[in-house]
Amino acid sequence: MLLALKKRLDGDMSELEEEVLHAVGGAESGGLSDVPVHPADLGTDNFEESLSLDLLENQDRILDEVNDALAGIDEGTFGRCENCGQEISKQRLNALPYARYCVACAKKFEARPPR
């Protein structure tokens, strides 16, 4: 499950990176330059770029979590809560395969994450 998620995230990140680097405005849309002509186009382009960057950052964070979980499998620590050491339920791992904490500890950290 983690390897499939990692593969999907890698693909998603590649698409988002292309989207962020994709030129907008003029030449791409048939104009003479890459500068959007209308201020509304510029605002939309800025919003879309900002959204893509936020999504890329989130995907990168999740990919780091997945890689840490895969390392936990190699180290024999996967499926154990990093806080209390108890086993994380299979139901939780099915919902969030890279979970670091059991439900009880995760609830404690909701207001203030430990990392």
PDB file of N, CA and C in Angstrom:
ATOM      1  N   MET A   1       0.832  -1.184   0.000  1.00  0.00           N
ATOM      2  CA  MET A   1       0.000   0.000   0.000  1.00  0.00           C
ATOM      3  C   MET A   1       0.886   1.260   0.000  1.00  0.00           C
ATOM      4  N   LEU A   2       1.946   1.232   0.802  1.00  0.00           N
ATOM      5  CA  LEU A   2       2.848   2.389   0.858  1.00  0.00           C
ATOM      6  C   LEU A   2       3.579   2.592  -0.464  1.00  0.00           C
ATOM      7  N   LEU A   3       4.016   1.503  -1.087  1.00  0.00           N
ATOM      8  CA  LEU A   3       4.725   1.625  -2.369  1.00  0.00           C
ATOM      9  C   LEU A   3       3.803   2.178  -3.456  1.00  0.00           C
ATOM     10  N   ALA A   4       2.541   1.755  -3.469  1.00  0.00           N
ATOM     11  CA  ALA A   4       1.580   2.274  -4.442  1.00  0.00           C
ATOM     12  C   ALA A   4       1.328   3.762  -4.201  1.00  0.00           C
ATOM     13  N   LEU A   5       1.215   4.141  -2.927  1.00  0.00           N
ATOM     14  CA  LEU A   5       1.015   5.550  -2.586  1.00  0.00           C
ATOM     15  C   LEU A   5       2.225   6.377  -3.000  1.00  0.00           C
ATOM     16  N   LYS A   6       3.405   5.865  -2.756  1.00  0.00           N
ATOM     17  CA  LYS A   6       4.647   6.557  -3.138  1.00  0.00           C
ATOM     18  C   LYS A   6       4.696   6.766  -4.652  1.00  0.00           C
ATOM     19  N   LYS A   7       4.355   5.732  -5.404  1.00  0.00           N
ATOM     20  CA  LYS A   7       4.365   5.835  -6.866  1.00  0.00           C
ATOM     21  C   LYS A   7       3.367   6.883  -7.340  1.00  0.00           C
ATOM     22  N   ARG A   8       2.163   6.864  -6.749  1.00  0.00           N
ATOM     23  CA  ARG A   8       1.144   7.846  -7.128  1.00  0.00           C
ATOM     24  C   ARG A   8       1.594   9.266  -6.799  1.00  0.00           C
ATOM     25  N   LEU A   9       2.174   9.452  -5.610  1.00  0.00           N
ATOM     26  CA  LEU A   9       2.635  10.785  -5.202  1.00  0.00           C
ATOM     27  C   LEU A   9       3.746  11.284  -6.118  1.00  0.00           C
ATOM     28  N   ASP A  10       4.667  10.392  -6.486  1.00  0.00           N
ATOM     29  CA  ASP A  10       5.735  10.788  -7.407  1.00  0.00           C
ATOM     30  C   ASP A  10       5.148  11.289  -8.723  1.00  0.00           C
ATOM     31  N   GLY A  11       4.139  10.587  -9.236  1.00  0.00           N
ATOM     32  CA  GLY A  11       3.489  11.012 -10.479  1.00  0.00           C
ATOM     33  C   GLY A  11       2.750  12.323 -10.315  1.00  0.00           C
ATOM     34  N   ASP A  12       2.030  12.456  -9.205  1.00  0.00           N
ATOM     35  CA  ASP A  12       1.304  13.698  -8.942  1.00  0.00           C
ATOM     36  C   ASP A  12       2.259  14.877  -8.831  1.00  0.00           C
ATOM     37  N   MET A  13       3.387  14.650  -8.165  1.00  0.00           N
ATOM     38  CA  MET A  13       4.348  15.742  -7.991  1.00  0.00           C
ATOM     39  C   MET A  13       4.945  16.159  -9.331  1.00  0.00           C
ATOM     40  N   SER A  14       5.207  15.194 -10.196  1.00  0.00           N
ATOM     41  CA  SER A  14       5.733  15.523 -11.522  1.00  0.00           C
ATOM     42  C   SER A  14       4.750  16.390 -12.298  1.00  0.00           C
ATOM     43  N   GLU A  15       3.473  16.020 -12.230  1.00  0.00           N
ATOM     44  CA  GLU A  15       2.447  16.810 -12.915  1.00  0.00           C
ATOM     45  C   GLU A  15       2.344  18.220 -12.332  1.00  0.00           C
ATOM     46  N   LEU A  16       2.372  18.316 -10.998  1.00  0.00           N
ATOM     47  CA  LEU A  16       2.287  19.634 -10.362  1.00  0.00           C
ATOM     48  C   LEU A  16       3.499  20.490 -10.706  1.00  0.00           C
ATOM     49  N   GLU A  17       4.684  19.877 -10.738  1.00  0.00           N
ATOM     50  CA  GLU A  17       5.895  20.626 -11.093  1.00  0.00           C
ATOM     51  C   GLU A  17       5.782  21.161 -12.515  1.00  0.00           C
ATOM     52  N   GLU A  18       5.274  20.338 -13.433  1.00  0.00           N
ATOM     53  CA  GLU A  18       5.072  20.801 -14.803  1.00  0.00           C
ATOM     54  C   GLU A  18       4.087  21.958 -14.847  1.00  0.00           C
ATOM     55  N   GLU A  19       3.031  21.848 -14.051  1.00  0.00           N
ATOM     56  CA  GLU A  19       2.009  22.893 -14.019  1.00  0.00           C
ATOM     57  C   GLU A  19       2.588  24.202 -13.493  1.00  0.00           C
ATOM     58  N   VAL A  20       3.414  24.121 -12.463  1.00  0.00           N
ATOM     59  CA  VAL A  20       4.007  25.327 -11.886  1.00  0.00           C
ATOM     60  C   VAL A  20       4.978  25.962 -12.873  1.00  0.00           C
ATOM     61  N   LEU A  21       5.732  25.133 -13.591  1.00  0.00           N
ATOM     62  CA  LEU A  21       6.725  25.657 -14.532  1.00  0.00           C
ATOM     63  C   LEU A  21       6.127  26.042 -15.876  1.00  0.00           C
ATOM     64  N   HIS A  22       4.879  25.653 -16.114  1.00  0.00           N
ATOM     65  CA  HIS A  22       4.194  25.909 -17.379  1.00  0.00           C
ATOM     66  C   HIS A  22       4.003  27.411 -17.572  1.00  0.00           C
ATOM     67  N   ALA A  23       4.468  27.908 -18.688  1.00  0.00           N
ATOM     68  CA  ALA A  23       4.303  29.334 -18.988  1.00  0.00           C
ATOM     69  C   ALA A  23       2.835  29.657 -19.208  1.00  0.00           C
ATOM     70  N   VAL A  24       2.419  30.797 -18.710  1.00  0.00           N
ATOM     71  CA  VAL A  24       1.032  31.222 -18.867  1.00  0.00           C
ATOM     72  C   VAL A  24       0.977  32.535 -19.612  1.00  0.00           C
ATOM     73  N   GLY A  25      -0.188  32.836 -20.107  1.00  0.00           N
ATOM     74  CA  GLY A  25      -0.381  34.124 -20.751  1.00  0.00           C
ATOM     75  C   GLY A  25      -0.126  34.078 -22.241  1.00  0.00           C
ATOM     76  N   GLY A  26       0.287  35.216 -22.738  1.00  0.00           N
ATOM     77  CA  GLY A  26       0.449  35.503 -24.139  1.00  0.00           C
ATOM     78  C   GLY A  26       0.784  34.389 -25.103  1.00  0.00           C
ATOM     79  N   ALA A  27       2.034  33.996 -25.201  1.00  0.00           N
ATOM     80  CA  ALA A  27       2.464  33.038 -26.215  1.00  0.00           C
ATOM     81  C   ALA A  27       1.727  31.712 -26.093  1.00  0.00           C
ATOM     82  N   GLU A  28       1.509  31.240 -24.878  1.00  0.00           N
ATOM     83  CA  GLU A  28       0.800  29.978 -24.660  1.00  0.00           C
ATOM     84  C   GLU A  28      -0.652  30.071 -25.097  1.00  0.00           C
ATOM     85  N   SER A  29      -1.219  31.242 -24.960  1.00  0.00           N
ATOM     86  CA  SER A  29      -2.632  31.393 -25.291  1.00  0.00           C
ATOM     87  C   SER A  29      -2.838  32.123 -26.619  1.00  0.00           C
ATOM     88  N   GLY A  30      -1.775  32.192 -27.436  1.00  0.00           N
ATOM     89  CA  GLY A  30      -1.905  32.779 -28.764  1.00  0.00           C
ATOM     90  C   GLY A  30      -1.449  34.210 -28.869  1.00  0.00           C
ATOM     91  N   GLY A  31      -0.962  34.792 -27.779  1.00  0.00           N
ATOM     92  CA  GLY A  31      -0.486  36.176 -27.812  1.00  0.00           C
ATOM     93  C   GLY A  31       0.954  36.263 -28.274  1.00  0.00           C
ATOM     94  N   LEU A  32       1.518  37.456 -28.186  1.00  0.00           N
ATOM     95  CA  LEU A  32       2.879  37.664 -28.658  1.00  0.00           C
ATOM     96  C   LEU A  32       3.941  37.533 -27.571  1.00  0.00           C
ATOM     97  N   SER A  33       3.529  37.514 -26.299  1.00  0.00           N
ATOM     98  CA  SER A  33       4.500  37.388 -25.220  1.00  0.00           C
ATOM     99  C   SER A  33       3.939  36.486 -24.136  1.00  0.00           C
ATOM    100  N   ASP A  34       4.740  36.223 -23.103  1.00  0.00           N
ATOM    101  CA  ASP A  34       4.303  35.387 -21.990  1.00  0.00           C
ATOM    102  C   ASP A  34       3.681  36.200 -20.863  1.00  0.00           C
ATOM    103  N   VAL A  35       3.457  37.471 -21.076  1.00  0.00           N
ATOM    104  CA  VAL A  35       2.862  38.325 -20.054  1.00  0.00           C
ATOM    105  C   VAL A  35       1.360  38.423 -20.306  1.00  0.00           C
ATOM    106  N   PRO A  36       0.540  38.027 -19.312  1.00  0.00           N
ATOM    107  CA  PRO A  36      -0.916  38.163 -19.501  1.00  0.00           C
ATOM    108  C   PRO A  36      -1.285  39.619 -19.724  1.00  0.00           C
ATOM    109  N   VAL A  37      -2.219  39.856 -20.601  1.00  0.00           N
ATOM    110  CA  VAL A  37      -2.597  41.218 -20.961  1.00  0.00           C
ATOM    111  C   VAL A  37      -3.582  41.795 -19.959  1.00  0.00           C
ATOM    112  N   HIS A  38      -4.537  41.021 -19.540  1.00  0.00           N
ATOM    113  CA  HIS A  38      -5.599  41.509 -18.676  1.00  0.00           C
ATOM    114  C   HIS A  38      -5.243  41.282 -17.207  1.00  0.00           C
ATOM    115  N   PRO A  39      -5.470  42.289 -16.328  1.00  0.00           N
ATOM    116  CA  PRO A  39      -5.159  42.124 -14.902  1.00  0.00           C
ATOM    117  C   PRO A  39      -5.870  40.929 -14.262  1.00  0.00           C
ATOM    118  N   ALA A  40      -7.074  40.622 -14.722  1.00  0.00           N
ATOM    119  CA  ALA A  40      -7.791  39.474 -14.173  1.00  0.00           C
ATOM    120  C   ALA A  40      -7.067  38.179 -14.515  1.00  0.00           C
ATOM    121  N   ASP A  41      -6.497  38.117 -15.728  1.00  0.00           N
ATOM    122  CA  ASP A  41      -5.718  36.931 -16.115  1.00  0.00           C
ATOM    123  C   ASP A  41      -4.498  36.783 -15.224  1.00  0.00           C
ATOM    124  N   LEU A  42      -3.857  37.895 -14.931  1.00  0.00           N
ATOM    125  CA  LEU A  42      -2.686  37.875 -14.070  1.00  0.00           C
ATOM    126  C   LEU A  42      -3.053  37.394 -12.667  1.00  0.00           C
ATOM    127  N   GLY A  43      -4.176  37.873 -12.134  1.00  0.00           N
ATOM    128  CA  GLY A  43      -4.637  37.442 -10.818  1.00  0.00           C
ATOM    129  C   GLY A  43      -4.954  35.962 -10.794  1.00  0.00           C
ATOM    130  N   THR A  44      -5.617  35.484 -11.829  1.00  0.00           N
ATOM    131  CA  THR A  44      -5.939  34.055 -11.922  1.00  0.00           C
ATOM    132  C   THR A  44      -4.669  33.226 -12.018  1.00  0.00           C
ATOM    133  N   ASP A  45      -3.725  33.675 -12.825  1.00  0.00           N
ATOM    134  CA  ASP A  45      -2.458  32.956 -12.974  1.00  0.00           C
ATOM    135  C   ASP A  45      -1.714  32.891 -11.641  1.00  0.00           C
ATOM    136  N   ASN A  46      -1.691  34.006 -10.912  1.00  0.00           N
ATOM    137  CA  ASN A  46      -1.018  34.025  -9.611  1.00  0.00           C
ATOM    138  C   ASN A  46      -1.692  33.083  -8.628  1.00  0.00           C
ATOM    139  N   PHE A  47      -3.018  33.082  -8.617  1.00  0.00           N
ATOM    140  CA  PHE A  47      -3.756  32.192  -7.728  1.00  0.00           C
ATOM    141  C   PHE A  47      -3.473  30.734  -8.060  1.00  0.00           C
ATOM    142  N   GLU A  48      -3.540  30.381  -9.340  1.00  0.00           N
ATOM    143  CA  GLU A  48      -3.301  28.999  -9.750  1.00  0.00           C
ATOM    144  C   GLU A  48      -1.868  28.555  -9.435  1.00  0.00           C
ATOM    145  N   GLU A  49      -0.915  29.440  -9.622  1.00  0.00           N
ATOM    146  CA  GLU A  49       0.471  29.110  -9.307  1.00  0.00           C
ATOM    147  C   GLU A  49       0.647  28.899  -7.808  1.00  0.00           C
ATOM    148  N   SER A  50       0.036  29.774  -7.013  1.00  0.00           N
ATOM    149  CA  SER A  50       0.118  29.649  -5.561  1.00  0.00           C
ATOM    150  C   SER A  50      -0.533  28.350  -5.088  1.00  0.00           C
ATOM    151  N   LEU A  51      -1.680  28.018  -5.657  1.00  0.00           N
ATOM    152  CA  LEU A  51      -2.370  26.779  -5.305  1.00  0.00           C
ATOM    153  C   LEU A  51      -1.523  25.566  -5.681  1.00  0.00           C
ATOM    154  N   SER A  52      -0.935  25.584  -6.856  1.00  0.00           N
ATOM    155  CA  SER A  52      -0.084  24.472  -7.288  1.00  0.00           C
ATOM    156  C   SER A  52       1.131  24.325  -6.382  1.00  0.00           C
ATOM    157  N   LEU A  53       1.714  25.434  -5.978  1.00  0.00           N
ATOM    158  CA  LEU A  53       2.866  25.373  -5.073  1.00  0.00           C
ATOM    159  C   LEU A  53       2.468  24.815  -3.711  1.00  0.00           C
ATOM    160  N   ASP A  54       1.303  25.208  -3.201  1.00  0.00           N
ATOM    161  CA  ASP A  54       0.807  24.675  -1.930  1.00  0.00           C
ATOM    162  C   ASP A  54       0.555  23.174  -2.027  1.00  0.00           C
ATOM    163  N   LEU A  55      -0.059  22.748  -3.124  1.00  0.00           N
ATOM    164  CA  LEU A  55      -0.309  21.319  -3.327  1.00  0.00           C
ATOM    165  C   LEU A  55       1.002  20.544  -3.438  1.00  0.00           C
ATOM    166  N   LEU A  56       1.969  21.115  -4.129  1.00  0.00           N
ATOM    167  CA  LEU A  56       3.271  20.480  -4.279  1.00  0.00           C
ATOM    168  C   LEU A  56       3.961  20.332  -2.926  1.00  0.00           C
ATOM    169  N   GLU A  57       3.880  21.354  -2.103  1.00  0.00           N
ATOM    170  CA  GLU A  57       4.466  21.306  -0.759  1.00  0.00           C
ATOM    171  C   GLU A  57       3.792  20.225   0.087  1.00  0.00           C
ATOM    172  N   ASN A  58       2.476  20.132   0.005  1.00  0.00           N
ATOM    173  CA  ASN A  58       1.728  19.114   0.747  1.00  0.00           C
ATOM    174  C   ASN A  58       2.095  17.716   0.259  1.00  0.00           C
ATOM    175  N   GLN A  59       2.161  17.531  -1.049  1.00  0.00           N
ATOM    176  CA  GLN A  59       2.531  16.230  -1.610  1.00  0.00           C
ATOM    177  C   GLN A  59       3.940  15.838  -1.154  1.00  0.00           C
ATOM    178  N   ASP A  60       4.835  16.802  -1.113  1.00  0.00           N
ATOM    179  CA  ASP A  60       6.212  16.544  -0.694  1.00  0.00           C
ATOM    180  C   ASP A  60       6.258  16.109   0.773  1.00  0.00           C
ATOM    181  N   ARG A  61       5.444  16.751   1.608  1.00  0.00           N
ATOM    182  CA  ARG A  61       5.389  16.388   3.031  1.00  0.00           C
ATOM    183  C   ARG A  61       4.860  14.966   3.196  1.00  0.00           C
ATOM    184  N   ILE A  62       3.802  14.638   2.461  1.00  0.00           N
ATOM    185  CA  ILE A  62       3.233  13.288   2.555  1.00  0.00           C
ATOM    186  C   ILE A  62       4.235  12.264   2.028  1.00  0.00           C
ATOM    187  N   LEU A  63       4.931  12.587   0.953  1.00  0.00           N
ATOM    188  CA  LEU A  63       5.941  11.672   0.408  1.00  0.00           C
ATOM    189  C   LEU A  63       7.045  11.416   1.439  1.00  0.00           C
ATOM    190  N   ASP A  64       7.436  12.444   2.178  1.00  0.00           N
ATOM    191  CA  ASP A  64       8.413  12.262   3.258  1.00  0.00           C
ATOM    192  C   ASP A  64       7.871  11.297   4.318  1.00  0.00           C
ATOM    193  N   GLU A  65       6.594  11.443   4.666  1.00  0.00           N
ATOM    194  CA  GLU A  65       5.968  10.550   5.649  1.00  0.00           C
ATOM    195  C   GLU A  65       5.955   9.108   5.141  1.00  0.00           C
ATOM    196  N   VAL A  66       5.633   8.932   3.868  1.00  0.00           N
ATOM    197  CA  VAL A  66       5.610   7.594   3.267  1.00  0.00           C
ATOM    198  C   VAL A  66       7.011   6.993   3.288  1.00  0.00           C
ATOM    199  N   ASN A  67       8.014   7.784   2.926  1.00  0.00           N
ATOM    200  CA  ASN A  67       9.395   7.288   2.940  1.00  0.00           C
ATOM    201  C   ASN A  67       9.831   6.912   4.358  1.00  0.00           C
ATOM    202  N   ASP A  68       9.410   7.705   5.345  1.00  0.00           N
ATOM    203  CA  ASP A  68       9.720   7.368   6.737  1.00  0.00           C
ATOM    204  C   ASP A  68       9.046   6.064   7.149  1.00  0.00           C
ATOM    205  N   ALA A  69       7.803   5.861   6.697  1.00  0.00           N
ATOM    206  CA  ALA A  69       7.090   4.621   7.017  1.00  0.00           C
ATOM    207  C   ALA A  69       7.775   3.425   6.366  1.00  0.00           C
ATOM    208  N   LEU A  70       8.223   3.589   5.119  1.00  0.00           N
ATOM    209  CA  LEU A  70       8.947   2.513   4.444  1.00  0.00           C
ATOM    210  C   LEU A  70      10.253   2.195   5.174  1.00  0.00           C
ATOM    211  N   ALA A  71      10.930   3.224   5.659  1.00  0.00           N
ATOM    212  CA  ALA A  71      12.145   3.006   6.449  1.00  0.00           C
ATOM    213  C   ALA A  71      11.799   2.274   7.741  1.00  0.00           C
ATOM    214  N   GLY A  72      10.638   2.596   8.331  1.00  0.00           N
ATOM    215  CA  GLY A  72      10.184   1.915   9.544  1.00  0.00           C
ATOM    216  C   GLY A  72       9.965   0.428   9.320  1.00  0.00           C
ATOM    217  N   ILE A  73       9.528   0.066   8.126  1.00  0.00           N
ATOM    218  CA  ILE A  73       9.373  -1.355   7.806  1.00  0.00           C
ATOM    219  C   ILE A  73      10.743  -2.028   7.845  1.00  0.00           C
ATOM    220  N   ASP A  74      11.735  -1.400   7.227  1.00  0.00           N
ATOM    221  CA  ASP A  74      13.093  -1.957   7.212  1.00  0.00           C
ATOM    222  C   ASP A  74      13.682  -2.050   8.620  1.00  0.00           C
ATOM    223  N   GLU A  75      13.358  -1.074   9.466  1.00  0.00           N
ATOM    224  CA  GLU A  75      13.903  -1.036  10.827  1.00  0.00           C
ATOM    225  C   GLU A  75      13.094  -1.864  11.821  1.00  0.00           C
ATOM    226  N   GLY A  76      11.917  -2.316  11.388  1.00  0.00           N
ATOM    227  CA  GLY A  76      11.063  -3.102  12.282  1.00  0.00           C
ATOM    228  C   GLY A  76      10.242  -2.271  13.249  1.00  0.00           C
ATOM    229  N   THR A  77      10.094  -0.977  12.959  1.00  0.00           N
ATOM    230  CA  THR A  77       9.333  -0.097  13.852  1.00  0.00           C
ATOM    231  C   THR A  77       7.984   0.298  13.268  1.00  0.00           C
ATOM    232  N   PHE A  78       7.720  -0.084  12.033  1.00  0.00           N
ATOM    233  CA  PHE A  78       6.466   0.291  11.381  1.00  0.00           C
ATOM    234  C   PHE A  78       5.284  -0.309  12.137  1.00  0.00           C
ATOM    235  N   GLY A  79       4.227   0.498  12.300  1.00  0.00           N
ATOM    236  CA  GLY A  79       3.019   0.024  12.958  1.00  0.00           C
ATOM    237  C   GLY A  79       3.023   0.217  14.460  1.00  0.00           C
ATOM    238  N   ARG A  80       4.090   0.833  14.984  1.00  0.00           N
ATOM    239  CA  ARG A  80       4.166   1.137  16.414  1.00  0.00           C
ATOM    240  C   ARG A  80       4.123   2.647  16.584  1.00  0.00           C
ATOM    241  N   CYS A  81       3.364   3.075  17.577  1.00  0.00           N
ATOM    242  CA  CYS A  81       3.230   4.497  17.876  1.00  0.00           C
ATOM    243  C   CYS A  81       4.590   5.056  18.299  1.00  0.00           C
ATOM    244  N   GLU A  82       4.978   6.169  17.698  1.00  0.00           N
ATOM    245  CA  GLU A  82       6.258   6.796  18.033  1.00  0.00           C
ATOM    246  C   GLU A  82       6.237   7.454  19.405  1.00  0.00           C
ATOM    247  N   ASN A  83       5.053   7.657  19.971  1.00  0.00           N
ATOM    248  CA  ASN A  83       4.954   8.290  21.275  1.00  0.00           C
ATOM    249  C   ASN A  83       4.894   7.263  22.405  1.00  0.00           C
ATOM    250  N   CYS A  84       3.930   6.348  22.329  1.00  0.00           N
ATOM    251  CA  CYS A  84       3.723   5.418  23.447  1.00  0.00           C
ATOM    252  C   CYS A  84       4.249   4.005  23.178  1.00  0.00           C
ATOM    253  N   GLY A  85       4.600   3.712  21.936  1.00  0.00           N
ATOM    254  CA  GLY A  85       5.148   2.408  21.595  1.00  0.00           C
ATOM    255  C   GLY A  85       4.111   1.318  21.380  1.00  0.00           C
ATOM    256  N   GLN A  86       2.835   1.644  21.572  1.00  0.00           N
ATOM    257  CA  GLN A  86       1.773   0.657  21.357  1.00  0.00           C
ATOM    258  C   GLN A  86       1.580   0.419  19.859  1.00  0.00           C
ATOM    259  N   GLU A  87       0.996  -0.727  19.547  1.00  0.00           N
ATOM    260  CA  GLU A  87       0.719  -1.051  18.157  1.00  0.00           C
ATOM    261  C   GLU A  87      -0.397  -0.150  17.621  1.00  0.00           C
ATOM    262  N   ILE A  88      -0.201   0.352  16.411  1.00  0.00           N
ATOM    263  CA  ILE A  88      -1.222   1.160  15.747  1.00  0.00           C
ATOM    264  C   ILE A  88      -2.206   0.193  15.105  1.00  0.00           C
ATOM    265  N   SER A  89      -3.490   0.444  15.271  1.00  0.00           N
ATOM    266  CA  SER A  89      -4.508  -0.483  14.763  1.00  0.00           C
ATOM    267  C   SER A  89      -4.434  -0.608  13.242  1.00  0.00           C
ATOM    268  N   LYS A  90      -4.778  -1.794  12.753  1.00  0.00           N
ATOM    269  CA  LYS A  90      -4.797  -2.042  11.309  1.00  0.00           C
ATOM    270  C   LYS A  90      -5.798  -1.111  10.621  1.00  0.00           C
ATOM    271  N   GLN A  91      -6.908  -0.832  11.299  1.00  0.00           N
ATOM    272  CA  GLN A  91      -7.913   0.058  10.735  1.00  0.00           C
ATOM    273  C   GLN A  91      -7.311   1.444  10.488  1.00  0.00           C
ATOM    274  N   ARG A  92      -6.537   1.954  11.450  1.00  0.00           N
ATOM    275  CA  ARG A  92      -5.899   3.265  11.286  1.00  0.00           C
ATOM    276  C   ARG A  92      -4.863   3.224  10.164  1.00  0.00           C
ATOM    277  N   LEU A  93      -4.075   2.154  10.119  1.00  0.00           N
ATOM    278  CA  LEU A  93      -3.049   2.045   9.080  1.00  0.00           C
ATOM    279  C   LEU A  93      -3.676   1.884   7.693  1.00  0.00           C
ATOM    280  N   ASN A  94      -4.844   1.256   7.615  1.00  0.00           N
ATOM    281  CA  ASN A  94      -5.535   1.170   6.326  1.00  0.00           C
ATOM    282  C   ASN A  94      -6.002   2.545   5.876  1.00  0.00           C
ATOM    283  N   ALA A  95      -6.439   3.360   6.824  1.00  0.00           N
ATOM    284  CA  ALA A  95      -6.911   4.709   6.502  1.00  0.00           C
ATOM    285  C   ALA A  95      -5.752   5.667   6.245  1.00  0.00           C
ATOM    286  N   LEU A  96      -4.678   5.519   7.009  1.00  0.00           N
ATOM    287  CA  LEU A  96      -3.515   6.407   6.919  1.00  0.00           C
ATOM    288  C   LEU A  96      -2.258   5.537   7.029  1.00  0.00           C
ATOM    289  N   PRO A  97      -1.816   4.948   5.914  1.00  0.00           N
ATOM    290  CA  PRO A  97      -0.752   3.952   5.967  1.00  0.00           C
ATOM    291  C   PRO A  97       0.578   4.455   6.533  1.00  0.00           C
ATOM    292  N   TYR A  98       0.769   5.748   6.575  1.00  0.00           N
ATOM    293  CA  TYR A  98       2.017   6.305   7.098  1.00  0.00           C
ATOM    294  C   TYR A  98       1.836   6.901   8.500  1.00  0.00           C
ATOM    295  N   ALA A  99       0.782   6.475   9.201  1.00  0.00           N
ATOM    296  CA  ALA A  99       0.507   7.005  10.543  1.00  0.00           C
ATOM    297  C   ALA A  99       1.693   6.767  11.476  1.00  0.00           C
ATOM    298  N   ARG A 100       2.050   7.784  12.228  1.00  0.00           N
ATOM    299  CA  ARG A 100       3.140   7.695  13.201  1.00  0.00           C
ATOM    300  C   ARG A 100       2.629   7.399  14.607  1.00  0.00           C
ATOM    301  N   TYR A 101       1.358   7.734  14.839  1.00  0.00           N
ATOM    302  CA  TYR A 101       0.823   7.655  16.190  1.00  0.00           C
ATOM    303  C   TYR A 101      -0.471   6.853  16.222  1.00  0.00           C
ATOM    304  N   CYS A 102      -0.711   6.215  17.345  1.00  0.00           N
ATOM    305  CA  CYS A 102      -1.996   5.546  17.563  1.00  0.00           C
ATOM    306  C   CYS A 102      -3.065   6.636  17.697  1.00  0.00           C
ATOM    307  N   VAL A 103      -4.311   6.231  17.670  1.00  0.00           N
ATOM    308  CA  VAL A 103      -5.408   7.200  17.724  1.00  0.00           C
ATOM    309  C   VAL A 103      -5.351   8.031  19.010  1.00  0.00           C
ATOM    310  N   ALA A 104      -5.099   7.376  20.131  1.00  0.00           N
ATOM    311  CA  ALA A 104      -5.090   8.095  21.418  1.00  0.00           C
ATOM    312  C   ALA A 104      -4.012   9.176  21.438  1.00  0.00           C
ATOM    313  N   CYS A 105      -2.806   8.842  20.984  1.00  0.00           N
ATOM    314  CA  CYS A 105      -1.724   9.839  20.979  1.00  0.00           C
ATOM    315  C   CYS A 105      -1.975  10.915  19.926  1.00  0.00           C
ATOM    316  N   ALA A 106      -2.523  10.536  18.786  1.00  0.00           N
ATOM    317  CA  ALA A 106      -2.817  11.522  17.746  1.00  0.00           C
ATOM    318  C   ALA A 106      -3.814  12.556  18.261  1.00  0.00           C
ATOM    319  N   LYS A 107      -4.799  12.104  19.023  1.00  0.00           N
ATOM    320  CA  LYS A 107      -5.780  13.038  19.600  1.00  0.00           C
ATOM    321  C   LYS A 107      -5.094  14.011  20.563  1.00  0.00           C
ATOM    322  N   LYS A 108      -4.122  13.491  21.338  1.00  0.00           N
ATOM    323  CA  LYS A 108      -3.396  14.372  22.274  1.00  0.00           C
ATOM    324  C   LYS A 108      -2.632  15.455  21.537  1.00  0.00           C
ATOM    325  N   PHE A 109      -2.107  15.101  20.363  1.00  0.00           N
ATOM    326  CA  PHE A 109      -1.257  16.025  19.609  1.00  0.00           C
ATOM    327  C   PHE A 109      -2.019  16.912  18.641  1.00  0.00           C
ATOM    328  N   GLU A 110      -3.331  16.746  18.525  1.00  0.00           N
ATOM    329  CA  GLU A 110      -4.104  17.531  17.551  1.00  0.00           C
ATOM    330  C   GLU A 110      -3.902  19.029  17.734  1.00  0.00           C
ATOM    331  N   ALA A 111      -3.955  19.494  18.955  1.00  0.00           N
ATOM    332  CA  ALA A 111      -3.824  20.926  19.212  1.00  0.00           C
ATOM    333  C   ALA A 111      -2.376  21.398  19.074  1.00  0.00           C
ATOM    334  N   ARG A 112      -1.435  20.520  19.397  1.00  0.00           N
ATOM    335  CA  ARG A 112      -0.011  20.901  19.297  1.00  0.00           C
ATOM    336  C   ARG A 112       0.795  19.701  18.795  1.00  0.00           C
ATOM    337  N   PRO A 113       1.099  19.703  17.492  1.00  0.00           N
ATOM    338  CA  PRO A 113       1.862  18.592  16.940  1.00  0.00           C
ATOM    339  C   PRO A 113       3.234  18.460  17.590  1.00  0.00           C
ATOM    340  N   PRO A 114       3.729  17.235  17.818  1.00  0.00           N
ATOM    341  CA  PRO A 114       4.998  17.027  18.493  1.00  0.00           C
ATOM    342  C   PRO A 114       6.213  17.328  17.627  1.00  0.00           C
ATOM    343  N   ARG A 115       6.063  17.410  16.322  1.00  0.00           N
ATOM    344  CA  ARG A 115       7.206  17.589  15.418  1.00  0.00           C
ATOM    345  C   ARG A 115       7.500  19.033  15.177  1.00  0.00           C
TER     346      ARG A 115
END
